[in-house]
Protein backbone atom coordinates (compact mmCIF):
# COMPACT_ATOMS: atom_id res chain seq x y z
CA UNK A 1 0.02 -0.05 0.19
CA UNK A 2 1.15 3.48 -0.17
CA UNK A 3 2.36 5.86 2.30
CA UNK A 4 0.28 9.60 2.47
CA UNK A 5 2.57 12.51 2.34
CA UNK A 6 1.57 13.09 5.69
CA UNK A 7 2.33 9.74 7.44
CA UNK A 8 6.19 9.55 6.79
CA UNK A 9 6.78 11.01 9.99
CA UNK A 10 5.24 8.11 11.44
CA UNK A 11 7.32 5.67 9.76
CA UNK A 12 10.33 4.27 11.92
CA UNK A 13 12.61 1.77 10.27
CA UNK A 14 14.87 -0.40 12.38
CA UNK A 15 18.10 -1.81 11.13
CA UNK A 16 20.33 -4.92 12.80
CA UNK A 17 22.89 -6.55 10.70
CA UNK A 18 21.95 -10.28 10.23
CA UNK A 19 25.51 -11.31 11.72
CA UNK A 20 24.75 -9.28 14.67
CA UNK A 21 21.26 -10.75 15.37
CA UNK A 22 21.71 -12.98 19.03
CA UNK A 23 25.49 -12.66 18.54
CA UNK A 24 26.07 -10.02 21.06
CA UNK A 25 28.65 -8.28 18.05
CA UNK A 26 27.83 -4.61 16.62
CA UNK A 27 28.96 -2.66 13.83
CA UNK A 28 31.37 0.05 13.96
CA UNK A 29 29.28 3.48 14.41
CA UNK A 30 30.83 4.68 10.90
CA UNK A 31 29.62 0.86 9.62
CA UNK A 32 26.06 1.82 10.91
CA UNK A 33 26.38 5.04 9.50
CA UNK A 34 27.15 4.27 6.13
CA UNK A 35 24.05 1.55 6.44
CA UNK A 36 22.12 4.10 7.40
CA UNK A 37 22.95 6.78 4.89
CA UNK A 38 22.43 4.22 2.03
CA UNK A 39 18.59 3.18 3.42
CA UNK A 40 17.76 7.17 3.55
CA UNK A 41 18.69 6.51 -0.13
CA UNK A 42 17.08 3.97 -1.03
CA UNK A 43 13.87 6.08 0.31
CA UNK A 44 14.61 8.93 -1.46
CA UNK A 45 15.08 6.68 -4.81
CA UNK A 46 10.64 6.12 -4.42
CA UNK A 47 10.57 9.68 -3.62
CA UNK A 48 9.85 9.27 0.25
CA UNK A 49 10.71 12.36 2.79
CA UNK A 50 14.03 10.08 3.98
CA UNK A 51 14.83 12.82 6.63
CA UNK A 52 11.49 12.77 8.16
CA UNK A 53 11.30 8.77 8.50
CA UNK A 54 13.36 7.41 11.82
CA UNK A 55 16.22 5.33 11.39
CA UNK A 56 17.28 3.28 14.03
CA UNK A 57 20.03 0.86 14.80
CA UNK A 58 19.71 -2.36 16.47
CA UNK A 59 23.00 -4.49 16.68
CA UNK A 60 23.94 -5.01 20.15
CA UNK A 61 23.56 -1.30 21.35
CA UNK A 62 25.19 -0.98 24.72
CA UNK A 63 26.00 1.39 27.25
CA UNK A 64 29.72 1.60 25.88
CA UNK A 65 29.13 1.96 22.33
CA UNK A 66 25.96 4.19 22.39
CA UNK A 67 26.76 7.60 22.31
CA UNK A 68 29.21 6.81 19.46
CA UNK A 69 26.15 5.22 17.50
CA UNK A 70 23.74 8.09 18.46
CA UNK A 71 26.65 10.83 17.13
CA UNK A 72 26.32 9.52 13.65
CA UNK A 73 23.89 11.83 11.81
CA UNK A 74 21.60 9.05 10.20
CA UNK A 75 21.18 7.47 13.54
CA UNK A 76 17.94 8.47 14.48
CA UNK A 77 17.97 6.02 18.08
CA UNK A 78 18.50 2.80 18.95
CA UNK A 79 16.27 -0.42 18.73
CA UNK A 80 17.54 -1.57 22.89
CA UNK A 81 17.45 -5.43 23.07
CA UNK A 82 19.01 -7.53 26.11
CA UNK A 83 20.37 -4.27 27.22
CA UNK A 84 16.62 -3.00 28.24
CA UNK A 85 16.68 -5.95 30.86
CA UNK A 86 19.41 -3.90 33.18
CA UNK A 87 18.03 -1.35 34.22
CA UNK A 88 21.28 0.67 34.89
CA UNK A 89 22.65 -0.61 31.49
CA UNK A 90 19.36 0.40 29.46
CA UNK A 91 19.19 4.10 31.79
CA UNK A 92 23.26 4.46 30.64
CA UNK A 93 22.26 4.30 26.90
CA UNK A 94 19.42 7.26 27.11
CA UNK A 95 21.87 9.29 28.84
CA UNK A 96 23.80 8.83 26.04
CA UNK A 97 21.31 10.18 23.52
CA UNK A 98 22.32 14.09 22.58
CA UNK A 99 20.19 16.38 24.95
CA UNK A 100 17.40 18.17 22.06
CA UNK A 101 17.68 15.15 19.58
């Protein structure tokens, strides 16, 4: 079906590298950024307003890598898996998100 022009801001895409699923491995912030930029390019190729779509990274986001991931311009947030089960870890990830973003 078709997404209406006024609905793109409600679209969220979560990307997780297949090799990261269930492994605890994560992409570097630079590699994740490159894929998120590619995803936005695909959106643009189908005439979607790519900057209105939230693109999240979901490959083992942890307290020690969250700030680097969230600092990348095309990563809008994280899809937090196992780390969300540990309150201190999850809170640390949340605090890694840039203020005002």
